[in-house]
C-alpha atoms as a PDB file:
ATOM      1  CA  MET A   1     135.006 109.618 117.780  1.00  0.00           C
ATOM      2  CA  LYS A   2     133.314 106.532 119.203  1.00  0.00           C
ATOM      3  CA  ILE A   3     131.571 106.482 122.528  1.00  0.00           C
ATOM      4  CA  ASP A   4     130.524 103.258 124.227  1.00  0.00           C
ATOM      5  CA  LEU A   5     126.969 103.611 125.616  1.00  0.00           C
ATOM      6  CA  ASN A   6     126.898 100.330 127.526  1.00  0.00           C
ATOM      7  CA  PRO A   7     127.629 102.077 130.886  1.00  0.00           C
ATOM      8  CA  LEU A   8     124.450 104.117 130.436  1.00  0.00           C
ATOM      9  CA  PHE A   9     122.225 101.151 129.715  1.00  0.00           C
ATOM     10  CA  SER A  10     123.759  98.944 132.358  1.00  0.00           C
ATOM     11  CA  GLY A  11     123.073 101.631 135.016  1.00  0.00           C
ATOM     12  CA  MET A  12     126.743 102.176 135.832  1.00  0.00           C
ATOM     13  CA  LYS A  13     126.524 105.832 134.723  1.00  0.00           C
ATOM     14  CA  LYS A  14     123.710 108.371 134.440  1.00  0.00           C
ATOM     15  CA  GLU A  15     125.661 110.516 131.974  1.00  0.00           C
ATOM     16  CA  ILE A  16     128.665 110.155 129.701  1.00  0.00           C
ATOM     17  CA  MET A  17     130.692 113.327 129.218  1.00  0.00           C
ATOM     18  CA  PHE A  18     133.236 113.683 126.424  1.00  0.00           C
ATOM     19  CA  GLU A  19     135.738 116.191 125.064  1.00  0.00           C
ATOM     20  CA  GLU A  20     137.523 115.956 121.756  1.00  0.00           C
ATOM     21  CA  ILE A  21     139.753 118.144 119.623  1.00  0.00           C
ATOM     22  CA  ILE A  22     139.800 117.471 115.911  1.00  0.00           C
ATOM     23  CA  SER A  23     142.397 118.853 113.521  1.00  0.00           C
ATOM     24  CA  PHE A  24     141.961 119.089 109.799  1.00  0.00           C
ATOM     25  CA  GLN A  25     144.709 119.026 107.223  1.00  0.00           C
ATOM     26  CA  GLU A  26     144.987 121.187 104.171  1.00  0.00           C
ATOM     27  CA  LYS A  27     143.899 118.300 101.974  1.00  0.00           C
ATOM     28  CA  ASP A  28     140.638 118.018 103.930  1.00  0.00           C
ATOM     29  CA  LEU A  29     139.733 121.575 102.868  1.00  0.00           C
ATOM     30  CA  LYS A  30     140.595 121.062  99.199  1.00  0.00           C
ATOM     31  CA  ASN A  31     137.728 122.036  96.837  1.00  0.00           C
ATOM     32  CA  THR A  32     136.011 124.076  99.507  1.00  0.00           C
ATOM     33  CA  SER A  33     135.787 127.843 100.113  1.00  0.00           C
ATOM     34  CA  ILE A  34     137.471 127.338 103.490  1.00  0.00           C
ATOM     35  CA  LYS A  35     141.069 128.670 103.458  1.00  0.00           C
ATOM     36  CA  GLY A  36     141.861 127.526 107.000  1.00  0.00           C
ATOM     37  CA  LEU A  37     140.262 125.832 109.966  1.00  0.00           C
ATOM     38  CA  ASP A  38     141.470 125.979 113.533  1.00  0.00           C
ATOM     39  CA  LYS A  39     141.252 122.903 115.748  1.00  0.00           C
ATOM     40  CA  VAL A  40     137.644 121.960 116.294  1.00  0.00           C
ATOM     41  CA  LYS A  41     136.791 121.610 119.983  1.00  0.00           C
ATOM     42  CA  ILE A  42     133.860 119.398 120.910  1.00  0.00           C
ATOM     43  CA  ASN A  43     132.436 119.145 124.442  1.00  0.00           C
ATOM     44  CA  GLY A  44     129.323 117.149 125.108  1.00  0.00           C
ATOM     45  CA  ASN A  45     127.311 114.663 127.078  1.00  0.00           C
ATOM     46  CA  ILE A  46     124.989 111.782 126.523  1.00  0.00           C
ATOM     47  CA  THR A  47     122.127 110.895 128.859  1.00  0.00           C
ATOM     48  CA  LYS A  48     119.735 107.990 128.744  1.00  0.00           C
ATOM     49  CA  ILE A  49     116.080 108.988 128.271  1.00  0.00           C
ATOM     50  CA  SER A  50     114.589 105.494 128.024  1.00  0.00           C
ATOM     51  CA  GLU A  51     115.626 101.948 127.186  1.00  0.00           C
ATOM     52  CA  GLU A  52     115.387 102.916 123.501  1.00  0.00           C
ATOM     53  CA  SER A  53     116.657 106.527 123.360  1.00  0.00           C
ATOM     54  CA  VAL A  54     119.495 108.848 124.408  1.00  0.00           C
ATOM     55  CA  ASN A  55     119.968 112.592 124.340  1.00  0.00           C
ATOM     56  CA  LEU A  56     123.173 113.815 122.730  1.00  0.00           C
ATOM     57  CA  LYS A  57     124.267 117.391 123.468  1.00  0.00           C
ATOM     58  CA  MET A  58     127.408 118.942 121.982  1.00  0.00           C
ATOM     59  CA  ASP A  59     129.091 122.347 121.863  1.00  0.00           C
ATOM     60  CA  ILE A  60     131.314 122.672 118.780  1.00  0.00           C
ATOM     61  CA  LYS A  61     133.718 125.590 118.557  1.00  0.00           C
ATOM     62  CA  SER A  62     136.348 126.632 116.084  1.00  0.00           C
ATOM     63  CA  SER A  63     137.353 129.443 113.715  1.00  0.00           C
ATOM     64  CA  MET A  64     137.427 129.303 109.894  1.00  0.00           C
ATOM     65  CA  THR A  65     139.387 131.448 107.520  1.00  0.00           C
ATOM     66  CA  LEU A  66     137.286 132.423 104.491  1.00  0.00           C
ATOM     67  CA  GLU A  67     137.985 134.616 101.485  1.00  0.00           C
ATOM     68  CA  ASP A  68     135.855 137.745 101.016  1.00  0.00           C
ATOM     69  CA  SER A  69     134.201 137.420  97.619  1.00  0.00           C
ATOM     70  CA  ILE A  70     134.685 141.123  96.744  1.00  0.00           C
ATOM     71  CA  THR A  71     138.057 142.110  98.253  1.00  0.00           C
ATOM     72  CA  LEU A  72     139.570 138.589  98.296  1.00  0.00           C
ATOM     73  CA  GLU A  73     140.868 139.374 101.801  1.00  0.00           C
ATOM     74  CA  GLU A  74     140.945 136.601 104.336  1.00  0.00           C
ATOM     75  CA  ILE A  75     138.286 136.863 106.981  1.00  0.00           C
ATOM     76  CA  GLU A  76     138.145 134.994 110.325  1.00  0.00           C
ATOM     77  CA  TYR A  77     134.705 133.483 110.874  1.00  0.00           C
ATOM     78  CA  PRO A  78     133.949 132.060 114.358  1.00  0.00           C
ATOM     79  CA  VAL A  79     132.083 128.758 114.574  1.00  0.00           C
ATOM     80  CA  ASN A  80     129.922 128.044 117.605  1.00  0.00           C
ATOM     81  CA  ILE A  81     127.350 125.302 117.203  1.00  0.00           C
ATOM     82  CA  GLN A  82     125.068 123.938 119.946  1.00  0.00           C
ATOM     83  CA  PHE A  83     123.814 120.517 118.996  1.00  0.00           C
ATOM     84  CA  ASN A  84     120.984 118.730 120.841  1.00  0.00           C
ATOM     85  CA  ARG A  85     119.609 115.490 119.388  1.00  0.00           C
ATOM     86  CA  ILE A  86     117.484 112.679 120.706  1.00  0.00           C
ATOM     87  CA  ILE A  87     118.607 109.431 119.095  1.00  0.00           C
ATOM     88  CA  ASP A  88     115.963 106.674 119.106  1.00  0.00           C
ATOM     89  CA  ASN A  89     117.186 103.141 118.496  1.00  0.00           C
ATOM     90  CA  ASN A  90     113.904 102.261 116.848  1.00  0.00           C
ATOM     91  CA  GLU A  91     114.092 104.819 114.037  1.00  0.00           C
ATOM     92  CA  GLU A  92     115.256 103.217 110.801  1.00  0.00           C
ATOM     93  CA  ASP A  93     117.036 106.316 109.522  1.00  0.00           C
ATOM     94  CA  GLU A  94     119.107 106.811 112.665  1.00  0.00           C
ATOM     95  CA  VAL A  95     122.431 105.283 113.645  1.00  0.00           C
ATOM     96  CA  LYS A  96     121.904 102.395 116.064  1.00  0.00           C
ATOM     97  CA  PHE A  97     123.378 103.439 119.323  1.00  0.00           C
ATOM     98  CA  THR A  98     125.509 100.616 120.600  1.00  0.00           C
ATOM     99  CA  THR A  99     128.175 103.198 119.894  1.00  0.00           C
ATOM    100  CA  VAL A 100     127.637 106.789 118.822  1.00  0.00           C
ATOM    101  CA  CYS A 101     129.901 108.016 116.017  1.00  0.00           C
ATOM    102  CA  CYS A 102     130.274 111.703 115.316  1.00  0.00           C
ATOM    103  CA  SER A 103     132.255 113.201 112.496  1.00  0.00           C
ATOM    104  CA  ILE A 104     132.540 116.704 111.198  1.00  0.00           C
END
């Protein structure tokens, strides 16, 4: 997912909202303990804090199928992650934010 932040810094928008659904194929889960993964739903927003930083908030929801290590039965495991990160364009270890790229 790529999100253009130019509207924030040009003053056209105060907030950028986004929604994305990501699907994974069986080959993506190969060599993991995950037996299945429902579509991953991402809802979020980005707001400008200063000329050099933005705040990225995301809610990530899905459901994984895992294998119980004792019974070997498949177990559904809900995934619900709240992500809140300030991205500063001056930090060397951070992604520069002309566009924000998120991958799971």
